[in-house]
C-alpha atoms as a PDB file:
ATOM      1  CA  MET A   1     -62.322  13.164  -8.697  1.00  0.00           C
ATOM      2  CA  ARG A   2     -59.753  10.788 -10.202  1.00  0.00           C
ATOM      3  CA  PHE A   3     -56.117  11.676 -10.903  1.00  0.00           C
ATOM      4  CA  THR A   4     -55.094  10.085 -14.205  1.00  0.00           C
ATOM      5  CA  GLN A   5     -52.306  12.374 -15.427  1.00  0.00           C
ATOM      6  CA  PRO A   6     -49.092  10.887 -16.913  1.00  0.00           C
ATOM      7  CA  PRO A   7     -46.255  10.217 -14.426  1.00  0.00           C
ATOM      8  CA  TYR A   8     -44.248  13.348 -15.241  1.00  0.00           C
ATOM      9  CA  PRO A   9     -40.950  13.942 -13.453  1.00  0.00           C
ATOM     10  CA  THR A  10     -40.644  17.337 -11.756  1.00  0.00           C
ATOM     11  CA  VAL A  11     -38.062  18.385 -14.340  1.00  0.00           C
ATOM     12  CA  PHE A  12     -40.792  18.148 -16.997  1.00  0.00           C
ATOM     13  CA  PHE A  13     -42.123  21.450 -15.640  1.00  0.00           C
ATOM     14  CA  SER A  14     -38.741  23.175 -15.501  1.00  0.00           C
ATOM     15  CA  GLU A  15     -38.638  24.983 -18.865  1.00  0.00           C
ATOM     16  CA  LYS A  16     -39.825  28.193 -17.171  1.00  0.00           C
ATOM     17  CA  ILE A  17     -39.235  28.683 -13.454  1.00  0.00           C
ATOM     18  CA  VAL A  18     -40.115  31.761 -11.391  1.00  0.00           C
ATOM     19  CA  VAL A  19     -37.264  32.580  -9.011  1.00  0.00           C
ATOM     20  CA  LYS A  20     -35.938  35.320  -6.753  1.00  0.00           C
ATOM     21  CA  CYS A  21     -33.053  37.347  -8.161  1.00  0.00           C
ATOM     22  CA  ASN A  22     -29.986  37.063  -5.928  1.00  0.00           C
ATOM     23  CA  GLU A  23     -28.908  40.565  -6.990  1.00  0.00           C
ATOM     24  CA  CYS A  24     -32.025  42.615  -6.152  1.00  0.00           C
ATOM     25  CA  ASN A  25     -34.532  40.128  -4.638  1.00  0.00           C
ATOM     26  CA  GLY A  26     -36.920  40.880  -7.497  1.00  0.00           C
ATOM     27  CA  VAL A  27     -38.805  38.389  -9.660  1.00  0.00           C
ATOM     28  CA  GLY A  28     -36.745  36.514 -12.214  1.00  0.00           C
ATOM     29  CA  ILE A  29     -37.394  33.811 -14.796  1.00  0.00           C
ATOM     30  CA  VAL A  30     -35.154  30.832 -15.549  1.00  0.00           C
ATOM     31  CA  LYS A  31     -35.807  29.614 -19.088  1.00  0.00           C
ATOM     32  CA  THR A  32     -34.388  26.255 -20.125  1.00  0.00           C
ATOM     33  CA  THR A  33     -34.230  24.369 -23.383  1.00  0.00           C
ATOM     34  CA  LEU A  34     -34.219  20.744 -22.339  1.00  0.00           C
ATOM     35  CA  GLY A  35     -32.116  18.175 -24.150  1.00  0.00           C
ATOM     36  CA  LYS A  36     -33.147  14.719 -25.302  1.00  0.00           C
ATOM     37  CA  TYR A  37     -32.652  13.072 -21.917  1.00  0.00           C
ATOM     38  CA  ILE A  38     -34.173  14.735 -18.853  1.00  0.00           C
ATOM     39  CA  ILE A  39     -33.971  12.130 -16.076  1.00  0.00           C
ATOM     40  CA  PRO A  40     -32.466  11.751 -13.600  1.00  0.00           C
ATOM     41  CA  PHE A  41     -31.098  15.190 -14.619  1.00  0.00           C
ATOM     42  CA  PRO A  42     -31.193  16.927 -18.026  1.00  0.00           C
ATOM     43  CA  HIS A  43     -28.266  16.525 -20.393  1.00  0.00           C
ATOM     44  CA  ASP A  44     -27.309  19.134 -22.999  1.00  0.00           C
ATOM     45  CA  HIS A  45     -29.767  21.674 -21.639  1.00  0.00           C
ATOM     46  CA  LYS A  46     -29.369  25.438 -22.051  1.00  0.00           C
ATOM     47  CA  SER A  47     -30.590  27.752 -19.298  1.00  0.00           C
ATOM     48  CA  THR A  48     -30.813  31.541 -18.995  1.00  0.00           C
ATOM     49  CA  PHE A  49     -31.879  33.588 -15.998  1.00  0.00           C
ATOM     50  CA  THR A  50     -33.372  37.038 -16.540  1.00  0.00           C
ATOM     51  CA  CYS A  51     -34.464  39.358 -13.739  1.00  0.00           C
ATOM     52  CA  THR A  52     -37.661  41.272 -14.549  1.00  0.00           C
ATOM     53  CA  SER A  53     -36.690  43.954 -12.002  1.00  0.00           C
ATOM     54  CA  CYS A  54     -32.994  44.836 -12.388  1.00  0.00           C
ATOM     55  CA  GLY A  55     -32.465  43.250 -15.814  1.00  0.00           C
ATOM     56  CA  VAL A  56     -29.463  41.089 -14.860  1.00  0.00           C
ATOM     57  CA  ILE A  57     -28.940  38.081 -17.149  1.00  0.00           C
ATOM     58  CA  LYS A  58     -27.089  34.894 -16.253  1.00  0.00           C
ATOM     59  CA  LYS A  59     -26.154  32.046 -18.557  1.00  0.00           C
ATOM     60  CA  TYR A  60     -25.976  28.509 -17.189  1.00  0.00           C
ATOM     61  CA  SER A  61     -22.403  27.883 -16.170  1.00  0.00           C
ATOM     62  CA  LYS A  62     -20.356  26.450 -13.333  1.00  0.00           C
ATOM     63  CA  GLU A  63     -21.703  29.182 -11.054  1.00  0.00           C
ATOM     64  CA  TRP A  64     -24.171  27.786  -8.505  1.00  0.00           C
ATOM     65  CA  HIS A  65     -26.177  29.872  -6.025  1.00  0.00           C
ATOM     66  CA  GLY A  66     -27.888  27.044  -4.175  1.00  0.00           C
ATOM     67  CA  TYR A  67     -27.012  24.451  -1.583  1.00  0.00           C
ATOM     68  CA  TYR A  68     -23.935  22.242  -1.377  1.00  0.00           C
ATOM     69  CA  GLN A  69     -23.245  19.095   0.563  1.00  0.00           C
ATOM     70  CA  GLY A  70     -19.782  18.083   1.664  1.00  0.00           C
ATOM     71  CA  PHE A  71     -18.540  14.486   1.736  1.00  0.00           C
ATOM     72  CA  LEU A  72     -15.467  12.744   3.090  1.00  0.00           C
ATOM     73  CA  THR A  73     -14.328   9.119   3.070  1.00  0.00           C
ATOM     74  CA  ILE A  74     -10.823   8.699   4.478  1.00  0.00           C
ATOM     75  CA  PRO A  75      -8.804   6.688   7.016  1.00  0.00           C
ATOM     76  CA  CYS A  76      -8.472   8.371  10.416  1.00  0.00           C
ATOM     77  CA  GLY A  77      -5.235  10.328  10.657  1.00  0.00           C
ATOM     78  CA  PHE A  78      -4.572   8.823  14.085  1.00  0.00           C
ATOM     79  CA  CYS A  79      -5.770   5.203  14.182  1.00  0.00           C
ATOM     80  CA  GLY A  80      -6.473   4.418  10.520  1.00  0.00           C
ATOM     81  CA  SER A  81     -10.142   3.567  11.062  1.00  0.00           C
ATOM     82  CA  SER A  82     -12.500   4.466   8.240  1.00  0.00           C
ATOM     83  CA  ILE A  83     -14.203   7.864   8.498  1.00  0.00           C
ATOM     84  CA  VAL A  84     -17.334   8.477   6.425  1.00  0.00           C
ATOM     85  CA  HIS A  85     -18.786  11.942   6.849  1.00  0.00           C
ATOM     86  CA  ALA A  86     -21.475  14.024   5.144  1.00  0.00           C
ATOM     87  CA  THR A  87     -22.453  17.584   6.034  1.00  0.00           C
ATOM     88  CA  LYS A  88     -25.957  18.974   6.106  1.00  0.00           C
ATOM     89  CA  PRO A  89     -26.916  20.859   2.916  1.00  0.00           C
ATOM     90  CA  GLU A  90     -25.721  24.450   3.209  1.00  0.00           C
ATOM     91  CA  LYS A  91     -24.954  27.420   0.991  1.00  0.00           C
ATOM     92  CA  LYS A  92     -21.621  28.302   2.555  1.00  0.00           C
ATOM     93  CA  ARG A  93     -18.648  26.031   1.954  1.00  0.00           C
ATOM     94  CA  THR A  94     -15.513  25.673   4.042  1.00  0.00           C
ATOM     95  CA  LYS A  95     -12.282  24.095   2.831  1.00  0.00           C
ATOM     96  CA  THR A  96     -11.930  21.964   5.940  1.00  0.00           C
ATOM     97  CA  THR A  97     -14.038  20.756   8.843  1.00  0.00           C
ATOM     98  CA  GLN A  98     -13.294  19.316  12.267  1.00  0.00           C
ATOM     99  CA  ILE A  99     -14.274  15.633  12.483  1.00  0.00           C
ATOM    100  CA  LYS A 100     -14.060  13.263  15.450  1.00  0.00           C
ATOM    101  CA  CYS A 101     -13.136   9.653  14.747  1.00  0.00           C
ATOM    102  CA  GLU A 102     -15.784   7.303  16.149  1.00  0.00           C
ATOM    103  CA  ALA A 103     -13.125   4.692  16.928  1.00  0.00           C
ATOM    104  CA  CYS A 104     -10.365   6.609  18.719  1.00  0.00           C
ATOM    105  CA  LYS A 105     -12.426   9.746  19.555  1.00  0.00           C
ATOM    106  CA  LYS A 106      -9.652  12.064  18.384  1.00  0.00           C
ATOM    107  CA  GLU A 107     -10.447  15.146  16.306  1.00  0.00           C
ATOM    108  CA  LYS A 108      -8.697  16.470  13.238  1.00  0.00           C
ATOM    109  CA  GLU A 109      -9.405  18.865  10.396  1.00  0.00           C
ATOM    110  CA  TYR A 110     -10.088  17.219   7.049  1.00  0.00           C
ATOM    111  CA  GLN A 111     -10.723  18.606   3.577  1.00  0.00           C
ATOM    112  CA  LEU A 112     -14.200  18.024   2.147  1.00  0.00           C
ATOM    113  CA  LYS A 113     -15.419  17.482  -1.407  1.00  0.00           C
ATOM    114  CA  TRP A 114     -18.483  19.587  -2.142  1.00  0.00           C
ATOM    115  CA  TYR A 115     -21.315  18.740  -4.523  1.00  0.00           C
ATOM    116  CA  ARG A 116     -24.402  20.626  -5.638  1.00  0.00           C
ATOM    117  CA  TYR A 117     -27.475  19.666  -3.636  1.00  0.00           C
ATOM    118  CA  ARG A 118     -30.895  19.882  -5.295  1.00  0.00           C
ATOM    119  CA  LYS A 119     -33.043  17.381  -3.419  1.00  0.00           C
ATOM    120  CA  ASP A 120     -36.003  18.639  -1.320  1.00  0.00           C
ATOM    121  CA  LYS A 121     -34.957  22.316  -1.491  1.00  0.00           C
ATOM    122  CA  SER A 122     -37.137  25.122  -2.879  1.00  0.00           C
ATOM    123  CA  ILE A 123     -34.600  26.196  -5.506  1.00  0.00           C
ATOM    124  CA  ASP A 124     -34.392  25.945  -9.264  1.00  0.00           C
ATOM    125  CA  PRO A 125     -32.216  23.017 -10.430  1.00  0.00           C
ATOM    126  CA  TYR A 126     -30.082  25.001 -12.895  1.00  0.00           C
ATOM    127  CA  PHE A 127     -28.794  28.026 -10.971  1.00  0.00           C
ATOM    128  CA  GLY A 128     -29.828  27.129  -7.418  1.00  0.00           C
ATOM    129  CA  LEU A 129     -31.832  30.356  -7.052  1.00  0.00           C
ATOM    130  CA  ASP A 130     -34.632  30.483  -4.482  1.00  0.00           C
ATOM    131  CA  LEU A 131     -38.078  29.841  -5.926  1.00  0.00           C
ATOM    132  CA  TRP A 132     -40.489  32.765  -5.920  1.00  0.00           C
ATOM    133  CA  LEU A 133     -43.559  30.549  -5.698  1.00  0.00           C
ATOM    134  CA  GLN A 134     -43.203  29.034  -2.262  1.00  0.00           C
ATOM    135  CA  ILE A 135     -45.314  29.292   0.860  1.00  0.00           C
ATOM    136  CA  ASN A 136     -45.128  28.022   4.430  1.00  0.00           C
ATOM    137  CA  PHE A 137     -47.232  25.033   5.352  1.00  0.00           C
ATOM    138  CA  LYS A 138     -46.898  24.043   8.995  1.00  0.00           C
ATOM    139  CA  LYS A 139     -43.180  23.183   9.307  1.00  0.00           C
ATOM    140  CA  HIS A 140     -42.677  22.727   5.577  1.00  0.00           C
ATOM    141  CA  PHE A 141     -42.453  24.715   2.344  1.00  0.00           C
ATOM    142  CA  LEU A 142     -44.948  24.136  -0.440  1.00  0.00           C
ATOM    143  CA  TRP A 143     -43.419  25.199  -3.744  1.00  0.00           C
ATOM    144  CA  VAL A 144     -43.968  25.082  -7.503  1.00  0.00           C
ATOM    145  CA  TYR A 145     -41.994  26.163 -10.568  1.00  0.00           C
ATOM    146  CA  ASN A 146     -44.815  27.757 -12.583  1.00  0.00           C
ATOM    147  CA  LEU A 147     -48.554  27.623 -13.357  1.00  0.00           C
ATOM    148  CA  GLU A 148     -48.437  24.283 -15.208  1.00  0.00           C
ATOM    149  CA  HIS A 149     -46.582  22.697 -12.296  1.00  0.00           C
ATOM    150  CA  LEU A 150     -49.123  24.155  -9.879  1.00  0.00           C
ATOM    151  CA  LYS A 151     -52.116  22.841 -11.840  1.00  0.00           C
ATOM    152  CA  TYR A 152     -50.647  19.345 -11.994  1.00  0.00           C
ATOM    153  CA  LEU A 153     -49.974  19.299  -8.257  1.00  0.00           C
ATOM    154  CA  LYS A 154     -53.338  20.864  -7.486  1.00  0.00           C
ATOM    155  CA  GLU A 155     -55.178  18.200  -9.485  1.00  0.00           C
ATOM    156  CA  TYR A 156     -53.324  15.461  -7.635  1.00  0.00           C
ATOM    157  CA  ILE A 157     -54.031  16.905  -4.193  1.00  0.00           C
ATOM    158  CA  ALA A 158     -57.708  17.516  -5.003  1.00  0.00           C
ATOM    159  CA  SER A 159     -58.201  13.944  -6.277  1.00  0.00           C
ATOM    160  CA  LYS A 160     -59.617  11.345  -3.921  1.00  0.00           C
ATOM    161  CA  LEU A 161     -58.791   8.523  -6.357  1.00  0.00           C
ATOM    162  CA  ARG A 162     -55.132   8.480  -7.343  1.00  0.00           C
ATOM    163  CA  GLU A 163     -54.092   5.865  -9.875  1.00  0.00           C
ATOM    164  CA  ASP A 164     -50.531   4.590  -9.685  1.00  0.00           C
ATOM    165  CA  ASN A 165     -50.319   3.126 -13.185  1.00  0.00           C
ATOM    166  CA  ASP A 166     -46.934   3.534 -14.891  1.00  0.00           C
ATOM    167  CA  ARG A 167     -45.390   5.402 -11.941  1.00  0.00           C
ATOM    168  CA  HIS A 168     -41.611   5.253 -11.844  1.00  0.00           C
ATOM    169  CA  LYS A 169     -38.970   6.252  -9.334  1.00  0.00           C
ATOM    170  CA  TYR A 170     -38.387   9.624 -11.018  1.00  0.00           C
ATOM    171  CA  SER A 171     -42.046  10.646 -11.268  1.00  0.00           C
ATOM    172  CA  MET A 172     -42.999  13.736  -9.317  1.00  0.00           C
ATOM    173  CA  ILE A 173     -45.874  12.025  -7.505  1.00  0.00           C
ATOM    174  CA  THR A 174     -43.669   9.139  -6.364  1.00  0.00           C
ATOM    175  CA  ASN A 175     -41.268  11.581  -4.731  1.00  0.00           C
ATOM    176  CA  LEU A 176     -43.793  13.836  -3.014  1.00  0.00           C
ATOM    177  CA  PRO A 177     -43.440  13.929   0.785  1.00  0.00           C
ATOM    178  CA  GLN A 178     -46.140  12.263   2.838  1.00  0.00           C
ATOM    179  CA  TRP A 179     -47.514  15.560   4.193  1.00  0.00           C
ATOM    180  CA  ILE A 180     -48.541  16.493   0.633  1.00  0.00           C
ATOM    181  CA  LYS A 181     -50.057  13.086  -0.057  1.00  0.00           C
ATOM    182  CA  SER A 182     -52.006  13.035   3.208  1.00  0.00           C
ATOM    183  CA  ALA A 183     -55.770  13.393   2.744  1.00  0.00           C
ATOM    184  CA  LYS A 184     -56.088  15.276   6.036  1.00  0.00           C
ATOM    185  CA  ASN A 185     -54.045  18.158   4.570  1.00  0.00           C
ATOM    186  CA  ARG A 186     -56.000  18.326   1.296  1.00  0.00           C
ATOM    187  CA  ASP A 187     -58.169  21.387   1.961  1.00  0.00           C
ATOM    188  CA  ALA A 188     -55.405  23.397   3.625  1.00  0.00           C
ATOM    189  CA  LEU A 189     -52.945  22.639   0.824  1.00  0.00           C
ATOM    190  CA  LEU A 190     -55.444  23.628  -1.856  1.00  0.00           C
ATOM    191  CA  LYS A 191     -55.910  27.007  -0.135  1.00  0.00           C
ATOM    192  CA  LYS A 192     -52.151  27.519  -0.167  1.00  0.00           C
ATOM    193  CA  LEU A 193     -51.973  26.634  -3.871  1.00  0.00           C
ATOM    194  CA  ASN A 194     -54.781  29.079  -4.608  1.00  0.00           C
ATOM    195  CA  THR A 195     -52.682  31.780  -2.941  1.00  0.00           C
ATOM    196  CA  LEU A 196     -49.690  30.881  -5.110  1.00  0.00           C
ATOM    197  CA  GLU A 197     -51.900  30.833  -8.201  1.00  0.00           C
ATOM    198  CA  LYS A 198     -52.948  34.422  -7.540  1.00  0.00           C
ATOM    199  CA  GLU A 199     -49.275  35.346  -7.216  1.00  0.00           C
ATOM    200  CA  ILE A 200     -48.446  33.728 -10.567  1.00  0.00           C
ATOM    201  CA  LYS A 201     -51.070  35.818 -12.342  1.00  0.00           C
ATOM    202  CA  LYS A 202     -49.208  38.982 -11.300  1.00  0.00           C
ATOM    203  CA  ILE A 203     -45.998  37.829 -13.027  1.00  0.00           C
ATOM    204  CA  ASN A 204     -45.019  38.341 -16.649  1.00  0.00           C
ATOM    205  CA  MET A 205     -43.757  34.934 -17.812  1.00  0.00           C
ATOM    206  CA  ALA A 206     -42.899  36.027 -21.347  1.00  0.00           C
END
């Protein structure tokens, strides 16, 4: 089997995303109207989240329910040496954090700047809500946005011949982790995707 699909970016599949409602833990749908430009991140898009269980509706706004990453670049408050610090992605933010200067070894509390973190997390890119369609695979999470996303990924994994024509740095295949690309995981990954496919068929995507 040969994989010859176009080099779609992951965001191409993001017009309907199945997520977990952060109010009731029920199934919700994030619907997005994409703008003209979609990479590296959509501009002028409009997103709405609707929970199929409790009925809550959210409009895309400054509210973010996903991960943040804190950054700091500042001279040390004691010796003046440059401090460059980045936190691990986390959902809880603190105004300050204790940082030790690598030069003088003294610690001080500094204020961080926090930014939304979307990379390699099983969340939707518009609200940061946890994806409904995710499943454990060894020490990783295998996830998809919807049925179309699943079929595209499934075809790639099942293919023994994978053409790299026209791939670009934003294409979904280019950015897949090695454990998904590995031929030795093919059969096990396809079984996991079949499980997720059965789950999708239970959900009303209207």
